PDB file of N, CA and C in Angstrom:
ATOM      1  N   MET A   1     128.049 244.965 -50.102  1.00  0.00           N
ATOM      2  CA  MET A   1     127.114 243.908 -50.428  1.00  0.00           C
ATOM      3  C   MET A   1     127.318 242.690 -49.528  1.00  0.00           C
ATOM      4  N   LYS A   2     128.578 242.438 -49.182  1.00  0.00           N
ATOM      5  CA  LYS A   2     128.859 241.283 -48.343  1.00  0.00           C
ATOM      6  C   LYS A   2     128.246 241.454 -46.953  1.00  0.00           C
ATOM      7  N   ASN A   3     128.223 242.659 -46.439  1.00  0.00           N
ATOM      8  CA  ASN A   3     127.646 242.936 -45.128  1.00  0.00           C
ATOM      9  C   ASN A   3     126.138 242.703 -45.139  1.00  0.00           C
ATOM     10  N   ARG A   4     125.491 243.026 -46.220  1.00  0.00           N
ATOM     11  CA  ARG A   4     124.046 242.822 -46.335  1.00  0.00           C
ATOM     12  C   ARG A   4     123.704 241.335 -46.300  1.00  0.00           C
ATOM     13  N   ASP A   5     124.494 240.505 -46.968  1.00  0.00           N
ATOM     14  CA  ASP A   5     124.243 239.066 -46.977  1.00  0.00           C
ATOM     15  C   ASP A   5     124.360 238.475 -45.583  1.00  0.00           C
ATOM     16  N   SER A   6     125.329 238.925 -44.823  1.00  0.00           N
ATOM     17  CA  SER A   6     125.498 238.379 -43.480  1.00  0.00           C
ATOM     18  C   SER A   6     124.391 238.853 -42.549  1.00  0.00           C
ATOM     19  N   SER A   7     123.876 240.061 -42.770  1.00  0.00           N
ATOM     20  CA  SER A   7     122.795 240.532 -41.909  1.00  0.00           C
ATOM     21  C   SER A   7     121.487 239.787 -42.201  1.00  0.00           C
ATOM     22  N   ILE A   8     121.268 239.418 -43.446  1.00  0.00           N
ATOM     23  CA  ILE A   8     120.077 238.639 -43.792  1.00  0.00           C
ATOM     24  C   ILE A   8     120.188 237.244 -43.181  1.00  0.00           C
ATOM     25  N   LEU A   9     121.367 236.649 -43.237  1.00  0.00           N
ATOM     26  CA  LEU A   9     121.581 235.340 -42.634  1.00  0.00           C
ATOM     27  C   LEU A   9     121.393 235.412 -41.125  1.00  0.00           C
ATOM     28  N   TYR A  10     121.873 236.466 -40.513  1.00  0.00           N
ATOM     29  CA  TYR A  10     121.712 236.666 -39.071  1.00  0.00           C
ATOM     30  C   TYR A  10     120.234 236.743 -38.705  1.00  0.00           C
ATOM     31  N   LEU A  11     119.447 237.459 -39.489  1.00  0.00           N
ATOM     32  CA  LEU A  11     118.011 237.583 -39.240  1.00  0.00           C
ATOM     33  C   LEU A  11     117.304 236.238 -39.416  1.00  0.00           C
ATOM     34  N   VAL A  12     117.634 235.515 -40.470  1.00  0.00           N
ATOM     35  CA  VAL A  12     116.985 234.235 -40.745  1.00  0.00           C
ATOM     36  C   VAL A  12     117.296 233.223 -39.644  1.00  0.00           C
ATOM     37  N   LEU A  13     118.545 233.173 -39.195  1.00  0.00           N
ATOM     38  CA  LEU A  13     118.887 232.241 -38.122  1.00  0.00           C
ATOM     39  C   LEU A  13     118.247 232.644 -36.799  1.00  0.00           C
ATOM     40  N   GLY A  14     118.077 233.933 -36.568  1.00  0.00           N
ATOM     41  CA  GLY A  14     117.373 234.388 -35.375  1.00  0.00           C
ATOM     42  C   GLY A  14     115.921 233.963 -35.390  1.00  0.00           C
ATOM     43  N   ILE A  15     115.273 234.082 -36.532  1.00  0.00           N
ATOM     44  CA  ILE A  15     113.882 233.643 -36.664  1.00  0.00           C
ATOM     45  C   ILE A  15     113.786 232.122 -36.527  1.00  0.00           C
ATOM     46  N   TYR A  16     114.775 231.416 -37.068  1.00  0.00           N
ATOM     47  CA  TYR A  16     114.788 229.955 -36.933  1.00  0.00           C
ATOM     48  C   TYR A  16     114.907 229.547 -35.466  1.00  0.00           C
ATOM     49  N   SER A  17     115.717 230.268 -34.703  1.00  0.00           N
ATOM     50  CA  SER A  17     115.839 229.943 -33.281  1.00  0.00           C
ATOM     51  C   SER A  17     114.525 230.193 -32.554  1.00  0.00           C
ATOM     52  N   LEU A  18     113.759 231.195 -32.971  1.00  0.00           N
ATOM     53  CA  LEU A  18     112.438 231.426 -32.389  1.00  0.00           C
ATOM     54  C   LEU A  18     111.490 230.277 -32.702  1.00  0.00           C
ATOM     55  N   MET A  19     111.542 229.773 -33.917  1.00  0.00           N
ATOM     56  CA  MET A  19     110.690 228.648 -34.297  1.00  0.00           C
ATOM     57  C   MET A  19     111.010 227.407 -33.465  1.00  0.00           C
ATOM     58  N   VAL A  20     112.294 227.134 -33.299  1.00  0.00           N
ATOM     59  CA  VAL A  20     112.705 225.964 -32.523  1.00  0.00           C
ATOM     60  C   VAL A  20     112.296 226.129 -31.070  1.00  0.00           C
ATOM     61  N   SER A  21     112.504 227.311 -30.522  1.00  0.00           N
ATOM     62  CA  SER A  21     112.165 227.566 -29.127  1.00  0.00           C
ATOM     63  C   SER A  21     110.674 227.414 -28.883  1.00  0.00           C
ATOM     64  N   TRP A  22     109.862 227.958 -29.763  1.00  0.00           N
ATOM     65  CA  TRP A  22     108.412 227.872 -29.571  1.00  0.00           C
ATOM     66  C   TRP A  22     107.920 226.441 -29.761  1.00  0.00           C
ATOM     67  N   TYR A  23     108.533 225.704 -30.685  1.00  0.00           N
ATOM     68  CA  TYR A  23     108.142 224.316 -30.937  1.00  0.00           C
ATOM     69  C   TYR A  23     108.323 223.449 -29.698  1.00  0.00           C
ATOM     70  N   TYR A  24     109.403 223.661 -28.962  1.00  0.00           N
ATOM     71  CA  TYR A  24     109.695 222.832 -27.799  1.00  0.00           C
ATOM     72  C   TYR A  24     109.177 223.399 -26.490  1.00  0.00           C
ATOM     73  N   ASN A  25     109.056 224.732 -26.343  1.00  0.00           N
ATOM     74  CA  ASN A  25     108.779 225.303 -25.031  1.00  0.00           C
ATOM     75  C   ASN A  25     107.400 225.933 -24.880  1.00  0.00           C
ATOM     76  N   HIS A  26     106.891 226.636 -25.866  1.00  0.00           N
ATOM     77  CA  HIS A  26     105.626 227.371 -25.794  1.00  0.00           C
ATOM     78  C   HIS A  26     105.603 228.362 -24.624  1.00  0.00           C
ATOM     79  N   SER A  27     106.713 229.065 -24.431  1.00  0.00           N
ATOM     80  CA  SER A  27     106.823 230.037 -23.359  1.00  0.00           C
ATOM     81  C   SER A  27     107.378 231.345 -23.924  1.00  0.00           C
ATOM     82  N   LEU A  28     106.702 232.443 -23.643  1.00  0.00           N
ATOM     83  CA  LEU A  28     107.159 233.732 -24.154  1.00  0.00           C
ATOM     84  C   LEU A  28     108.474 234.177 -23.518  1.00  0.00           C
ATOM     85  N   ILE A  29     108.684 233.842 -22.256  1.00  0.00           N
ATOM     86  CA  ILE A  29     109.927 234.226 -21.583  1.00  0.00           C
ATOM     87  C   ILE A  29     111.116 233.486 -22.191  1.00  0.00           C
ATOM     88  N   VAL A  30     110.963 232.195 -22.402  1.00  0.00           N
ATOM     89  CA  VAL A  30     112.029 231.412 -23.025  1.00  0.00           C
ATOM     90  C   VAL A  30     112.234 231.862 -24.464  1.00  0.00           C
ATOM     91  N   LEU A  31     111.162 232.248 -25.133  1.00  0.00           N
ATOM     92  CA  LEU A  31     111.253 232.740 -26.504  1.00  0.00           C
ATOM     93  C   LEU A  31     112.086 234.020 -26.560  1.00  0.00           C
ATOM     94  N   LEU A  32     111.861 234.921 -25.644  1.00  0.00           N
ATOM     95  CA  LEU A  32     112.623 236.167 -25.595  1.00  0.00           C
ATOM     96  C   LEU A  32     114.091 235.898 -25.281  1.00  0.00           C
ATOM     97  N   ILE A  33     114.353 235.041 -24.328  1.00  0.00           N
ATOM     98  CA  ILE A  33     115.737 234.715 -23.965  1.00  0.00           C
ATOM     99  C   ILE A  33     116.451 234.016 -25.111  1.00  0.00           C
ATOM    100  N   SER A  34     115.751 233.120 -25.795  1.00  0.00           N
ATOM    101  CA  SER A  34     116.385 232.416 -26.908  1.00  0.00           C
ATOM    102  C   SER A  34     116.633 233.342 -28.095  1.00  0.00           C
ATOM    103  N   TYR A  35     115.850 234.408 -28.244  1.00  0.00           N
ATOM    104  CA  TYR A  35     116.121 235.356 -29.321  1.00  0.00           C
ATOM    105  C   TYR A  35     117.316 236.241 -28.986  1.00  0.00           C
ATOM    106  N   ILE A  36     117.455 236.607 -27.735  1.00  0.00           N
ATOM    107  CA  ILE A  36     118.590 237.443 -27.338  1.00  0.00           C
ATOM    108  C   ILE A  36     119.899 236.667 -27.475  1.00  0.00           C
ATOM    109  N   PHE A  37     119.893 235.424 -27.060  1.00  0.00           N
ATOM    110  CA  PHE A  37     121.094 234.590 -27.099  1.00  0.00           C
ATOM    111  C   PHE A  37     120.961 233.484 -28.138  1.00  0.00           C
ATOM    112  N   TRP A  38     120.428 233.803 -29.323  1.00  0.00           N
ATOM    113  CA  TRP A  38     120.106 232.760 -30.278  1.00  0.00           C
ATOM    114  C   TRP A  38     121.304 231.961 -30.766  1.00  0.00           C
ATOM    115  N   PRO A  39     122.507 232.529 -30.939  1.00  0.00           N
ATOM    116  CA  PRO A  39     123.609 231.642 -31.368  1.00  0.00           C
ATOM    117  C   PRO A  39     123.910 230.547 -30.336  1.00  0.00           C
ATOM    118  N   LEU A  40     123.911 230.931 -29.070  1.00  0.00           N
ATOM    119  CA  LEU A  40     124.144 229.940 -28.016  1.00  0.00           C
ATOM    120  C   LEU A  40     122.995 228.950 -27.929  1.00  0.00           C
ATOM    121  N   TYR A  41     121.773 229.446 -28.126  1.00  0.00           N
ATOM    122  CA  TYR A  41     120.606 228.570 -28.058  1.00  0.00           C
ATOM    123  C   TYR A  41     120.629 227.524 -29.171  1.00  0.00           C
ATOM    124  N   LEU A  42     121.003 227.918 -30.380  1.00  0.00           N
ATOM    125  CA  LEU A  42     121.049 226.951 -31.480  1.00  0.00           C
ATOM    126  C   LEU A  42     122.155 225.925 -31.269  1.00  0.00           C
ATOM    127  N   ILE A  43     123.291 226.355 -30.748  1.00  0.00           N
ATOM    128  CA  ILE A  43     124.363 225.409 -30.442  1.00  0.00           C
ATOM    129  C   ILE A  43     123.904 224.429 -29.362  1.00  0.00           C
ATOM    130  N   TYR A  44     123.224 224.937 -28.346  1.00  0.00           N
ATOM    131  CA  TYR A  44     122.694 224.086 -27.283  1.00  0.00           C
ATOM    132  C   TYR A  44     121.709 223.052 -27.851  1.00  0.00           C
ATOM    133  N   GLU A  45     120.804 223.485 -28.705  1.00  0.00           N
ATOM    134  CA  GLU A  45     119.825 222.567 -29.302  1.00  0.00           C
ATOM    135  C   GLU A  45     120.513 221.517 -30.168  1.00  0.00           C
ATOM    136  N   LEU A  46     121.566 221.897 -30.871  1.00  0.00           N
ATOM    137  CA  LEU A  46     122.318 220.928 -31.665  1.00  0.00           C
ATOM    138  C   LEU A  46     123.013 219.906 -30.774  1.00  0.00           C
ATOM    139  N   LEU A  47     123.599 220.370 -29.672  1.00  0.00           N
ATOM    140  CA  LEU A  47     124.337 219.472 -28.798  1.00  0.00           C
ATOM    141  C   LEU A  47     123.444 218.484 -28.053  1.00  0.00           C
ATOM    142  N   ILE A  48     122.246 218.913 -27.669  1.00  0.00           N
ATOM    143  CA  ILE A  48     121.384 217.981 -26.938  1.00  0.00           C
ATOM    144  C   ILE A  48     120.569 217.089 -27.875  1.00  0.00           C
ATOM    145  N   GLY A  49     120.580 217.388 -29.172  1.00  0.00           N
ATOM    146  CA  GLY A  49     119.966 216.488 -30.138  1.00  0.00           C
ATOM    147  C   GLY A  49     118.555 216.825 -30.557  1.00  0.00           C
ATOM    148  N   HIS A  50     118.061 217.996 -30.222  1.00  0.00           N
ATOM    149  CA  HIS A  50     116.703 218.353 -30.635  1.00  0.00           C
ATOM    150  C   HIS A  50     116.588 218.622 -32.134  1.00  0.00           C
ATOM    151  N   LEU A  51     117.694 218.858 -32.809  1.00  0.00           N
ATOM    152  CA  LEU A  51     117.641 219.129 -34.244  1.00  0.00           C
ATOM    153  C   LEU A  51     118.162 217.960 -35.071  1.00  0.00           C
ATOM    154  N   SER A  52     118.307 216.789 -34.455  1.00  0.00           N
ATOM    155  CA  SER A  52     118.797 215.628 -35.185  1.00  0.00           C
ATOM    156  C   SER A  52     117.636 214.846 -35.797  1.00  0.00           C
ATOM    157  N   HIS A  53     117.968 213.911 -36.629  1.00  0.00           N
ATOM    158  CA  HIS A  53     117.004 213.009 -37.286  1.00  0.00           C
ATOM    159  C   HIS A  53     115.947 213.767 -38.088  1.00  0.00           C
ATOM    160  N   GLY A  54     116.358 214.824 -38.759  1.00  0.00           N
ATOM    161  CA  GLY A  54     115.450 215.551 -39.634  1.00  0.00           C
ATOM    162  C   GLY A  54     114.569 216.581 -38.953  1.00  0.00           C
ATOM    163  N   MET A  55     114.716 216.760 -37.645  1.00  0.00           N
ATOM    164  CA  MET A  55     113.887 217.753 -36.955  1.00  0.00           C
ATOM    165  C   MET A  55     114.249 219.175 -37.366  1.00  0.00           C
ATOM    166  N   TRP A  56     115.470 219.392 -37.858  1.00  0.00           N
ATOM    167  CA  TRP A  56     115.877 220.731 -38.274  1.00  0.00           C
ATOM    168  C   TRP A  56     115.019 221.234 -39.430  1.00  0.00           C
ATOM    169  N   LYS A  57     114.475 220.319 -40.224  1.00  0.00           N
ATOM    170  CA  LYS A  57     113.588 220.765 -41.305  1.00  0.00           C
ATOM    171  C   LYS A  57     112.114 220.514 -40.995  1.00  0.00           C
ATOM    172  N   THR A  58     111.802 219.627 -40.082  1.00  0.00           N
ATOM    173  CA  THR A  58     110.421 219.351 -39.709  1.00  0.00           C
ATOM    174  C   THR A  58     109.817 220.500 -38.906  1.00  0.00           C
ATOM    175  N   ILE A  59     110.624 221.105 -38.042  1.00  0.00           N
ATOM    176  CA  ILE A  59     110.124 222.193 -37.188  1.00  0.00           C
ATOM    177  C   ILE A  59     109.644 223.386 -38.017  1.00  0.00           C
ATOM    178  N   PRO A  60     110.431 223.929 -38.954  1.00  0.00           N
ATOM    179  CA  PRO A  60     109.892 225.050 -39.747  1.00  0.00           C
ATOM    180  C   PRO A  60     108.687 224.664 -40.614  1.00  0.00           C
ATOM    181  N   LEU A  61     108.694 223.439 -41.125  1.00  0.00           N
ATOM    182  CA  LEU A  61     107.568 223.015 -41.955  1.00  0.00           C
ATOM    183  C   LEU A  61     106.288 222.877 -41.161  1.00  0.00           C
ATOM    184  N   SER A  62     106.386 222.620 -39.861  1.00  0.00           N
ATOM    185  CA  SER A  62     105.190 222.487 -39.040  1.00  0.00           C
ATOM    186  C   SER A  62     104.439 223.811 -38.895  1.00  0.00           C
ATOM    187  N   TYR A  63     105.104 224.928 -39.096  1.00  0.00           N
ATOM    188  CA  TYR A  63     104.446 226.234 -39.002  1.00  0.00           C
ATOM    189  C   TYR A  63     103.706 226.601 -40.278  1.00  0.00           C
ATOM    190  N   PHE A  64     104.024 225.932 -41.387  1.00  0.00           N
ATOM    191  CA  PHE A  64     103.416 226.293 -42.663  1.00  0.00           C
ATOM    192  C   PHE A  64     102.445 225.256 -43.184  1.00  0.00           C
ATOM    193  N   LYS A  65     102.060 224.295 -42.371  1.00  0.00           N
ATOM    194  CA  LYS A  65     101.085 223.288 -42.808  1.00  0.00           C
ATOM    195  C   LYS A  65      99.698 223.696 -42.436  1.00  0.00           C
TER     196      LYS A  65
END
C-alpha cells in the first residue's frame, strides 16, 4: 500500500510540473523535457522564484477557471 501512495504522488507532481512548464513556456519541446526531468525542473522553478508569492497555487487554479 505504501508503494501505491508514492506512485500517486509521483504522478501528481509530474502533472504539476507540466502545468508550471506550460504556464511559463507554451512550448511542447520544453513541456516534454520538463516531464522527463520533472524533479529537477521543479527544484529549478523553486530556486529561481517562479513558484513564490502564491504562484504555486495560482498556476493550477488558472487551468480550472
